Amino acid sequence: MMFNPLMPDLSKLKNEDIEQKITDLMKKYSIASRSGQGTVCQQISVILESLKEEQRKRYESANKKMQEQNKNLDDYIQIDD
């Protein structure tokens, strides 16, 4: 993944904001691609990758928390054979 020094700190954005930015940039990428703006597409791709990486990290973190909670629930659930 390439680094863009002009990108804001993505960890401060809400999940909904990240999703909205991804949607908006995908639309802009499509327009730039149809217009033959390869350089613009590359720049958008870098930003999209950063946003998707942040989104992936959040999903993994949420999934890990859920697994830990489920693991803790197993201590309370007893099934008699």
C-alpha atoms as a PDB file:
ATOM      1  CA  MET A   1       0.000   0.000   0.000  1.00  0.00           C
ATOM      2  CA  MET A   2       1.291   3.455  -0.877  1.00  0.00           C
ATOM      3  CA  PHE A   3       1.346   6.213   1.692  1.00  0.00           C
ATOM      4  CA  ASN A   4      -0.268   9.581   1.053  1.00  0.00           C
ATOM      5  CA  PRO A   5       1.042  12.308   3.405  1.00  0.00           C
ATOM      6  CA  LEU A   6      -2.009  14.465   2.702  1.00  0.00           C
ATOM      7  CA  MET A   7      -4.453  11.862   4.036  1.00  0.00           C
ATOM      8  CA  PRO A   8      -6.088  12.706   7.357  1.00  0.00           C
ATOM      9  CA  ASP A   9      -5.863  10.310  10.290  1.00  0.00           C
ATOM     10  CA  LEU A  10      -8.399   7.689   9.230  1.00  0.00           C
ATOM     11  CA  SER A  11      -8.678   6.249  12.723  1.00  0.00           C
ATOM     12  CA  LYS A  12     -10.591   9.386  13.736  1.00  0.00           C
ATOM     13  CA  LEU A  13     -13.331   8.833  11.144  1.00  0.00           C
ATOM     14  CA  LYS A  14     -16.580   7.034  11.886  1.00  0.00           C
ATOM     15  CA  ASN A  15     -17.279   3.748  10.098  1.00  0.00           C
ATOM     16  CA  GLU A  16     -20.110   5.385   8.166  1.00  0.00           C
ATOM     17  CA  ASP A  17     -17.805   8.182   7.010  1.00  0.00           C
ATOM     18  CA  ILE A  18     -15.260   5.695   5.714  1.00  0.00           C
ATOM     19  CA  GLU A  19     -17.962   3.760   3.865  1.00  0.00           C
ATOM     20  CA  GLN A  20     -19.302   6.979   2.350  1.00  0.00           C
ATOM     21  CA  LYS A  21     -15.831   8.096   1.244  1.00  0.00           C
ATOM     22  CA  ILE A  22     -15.189   4.704  -0.373  1.00  0.00           C
ATOM     23  CA  THR A  23     -18.495   4.917  -2.260  1.00  0.00           C
ATOM     24  CA  ASP A  24     -17.812   8.486  -3.408  1.00  0.00           C
ATOM     25  CA  LEU A  25     -14.275   7.685  -4.536  1.00  0.00           C
ATOM     26  CA  MET A  26     -15.414   4.614  -6.445  1.00  0.00           C
ATOM     27  CA  LYS A  27     -17.843   6.812  -8.379  1.00  0.00           C
ATOM     28  CA  LYS A  28     -15.109   9.358  -9.057  1.00  0.00           C
ATOM     29  CA  TYR A  29     -12.738   6.582 -10.118  1.00  0.00           C
ATOM     30  CA  SER A  30     -15.319   5.331 -12.598  1.00  0.00           C
ATOM     31  CA  ILE A  31     -15.753   8.810 -14.072  1.00  0.00           C
ATOM     32  CA  ALA A  32     -11.997   9.386 -14.273  1.00  0.00           C
ATOM     33  CA  SER A  33     -11.486   5.983 -15.878  1.00  0.00           C
ATOM     34  CA  ARG A  34     -14.091   6.640 -18.567  1.00  0.00           C
ATOM     35  CA  SER A  35     -12.516  10.041 -19.214  1.00  0.00           C
ATOM     36  CA  GLY A  36      -9.067   8.542 -19.754  1.00  0.00           C
ATOM     37  CA  GLN A  37      -7.597  10.207 -16.653  1.00  0.00           C
ATOM     38  CA  GLY A  38      -5.085   7.503 -15.707  1.00  0.00           C
ATOM     39  CA  THR A  39      -3.103   9.702 -13.321  1.00  0.00           C
ATOM     40  CA  VAL A  40      -6.244  10.685 -11.434  1.00  0.00           C
ATOM     41  CA  CYS A  41      -7.259   7.017 -11.250  1.00  0.00           C
ATOM     42  CA  GLN A  42      -3.896   6.169  -9.688  1.00  0.00           C
ATOM     43  CA  GLN A  43      -4.282   8.880  -7.066  1.00  0.00           C
ATOM     44  CA  ILE A  44      -7.823   7.767  -6.252  1.00  0.00           C
ATOM     45  CA  SER A  45      -6.622   4.160  -6.008  1.00  0.00           C
ATOM     46  CA  VAL A  46      -4.039   5.096  -3.380  1.00  0.00           C
ATOM     47  CA  ILE A  47      -6.678   6.817  -1.251  1.00  0.00           C
ATOM     48  CA  LEU A  48      -9.167   3.980  -1.771  1.00  0.00           C
ATOM     49  CA  GLU A  49      -6.590   1.418  -0.635  1.00  0.00           C
ATOM     50  CA  SER A  50      -5.917   3.433   2.523  1.00  0.00           C
ATOM     51  CA  LEU A  51      -9.625   3.653   3.309  1.00  0.00           C
ATOM     52  CA  LYS A  52     -10.215  -0.040   2.616  1.00  0.00           C
ATOM     53  CA  GLU A  53      -7.244  -0.996   4.783  1.00  0.00           C
ATOM     54  CA  GLU A  54      -8.640   1.044   7.687  1.00  0.00           C
ATOM     55  CA  GLN A  55     -12.047  -0.555   7.150  1.00  0.00           C
ATOM     56  CA  ARG A  56     -10.469  -4.039   7.104  1.00  0.00           C
ATOM     57  CA  LYS A  57      -8.611  -3.332  10.357  1.00  0.00           C
ATOM     58  CA  ARG A  58     -11.841  -2.254  12.023  1.00  0.00           C
ATOM     59  CA  TYR A  59     -13.725  -5.330  10.838  1.00  0.00           C
ATOM     60  CA  GLU A  60     -10.939  -7.586  12.086  1.00  0.00           C
ATOM     61  CA  SER A  61     -10.905  -5.828  15.447  1.00  0.00           C
ATOM     62  CA  ALA A  62     -14.687  -6.096  15.800  1.00  0.00           C
ATOM     63  CA  ASN A  63     -14.576  -9.758  14.791  1.00  0.00           C
ATOM     64  CA  LYS A  64     -11.842 -10.462  17.324  1.00  0.00           C
ATOM     65  CA  LYS A  65     -13.870  -8.775  20.083  1.00  0.00           C
ATOM     66  CA  MET A  66     -16.940 -10.787  19.155  1.00  0.00           C
ATOM     67  CA  GLN A  67     -14.953 -14.024  19.227  1.00  0.00           C
ATOM     68  CA  GLU A  68     -13.596 -13.137  22.666  1.00  0.00           C
ATOM     69  CA  GLN A  69     -17.099 -12.412  23.935  1.00  0.00           C
ATOM     70  CA  ASN A  70     -18.351 -15.710  22.538  1.00  0.00           C
ATOM     71  CA  LYS A  71     -15.418 -17.501  24.107  1.00  0.00           C
ATOM     72  CA  ASN A  72     -16.322 -15.998  27.475  1.00  0.00           C
ATOM     73  CA  LEU A  73     -19.951 -17.084  27.040  1.00  0.00           C
ATOM     74  CA  ASP A  74     -18.797 -20.687  26.692  1.00  0.00           C
ATOM     75  CA  ASP A  75     -17.727 -20.551  30.337  1.00  0.00           C
ATOM     76  CA  TYR A  76     -21.336 -19.917  31.356  1.00  0.00           C
ATOM     77  CA  ILE A  77     -23.039 -22.406  29.088  1.00  0.00           C
ATOM     78  CA  GLN A  78     -23.073 -25.973  30.279  1.00  0.00           C
ATOM     79  CA  ILE A  79     -24.550 -28.765  28.238  1.00  0.00           C
ATOM     80  CA  ASP A  80     -25.197 -32.009  30.071  1.00  0.00           C
ATOM     81  CA  ASP A  81     -24.869 -35.162  28.011  1.00  0.00           C
END
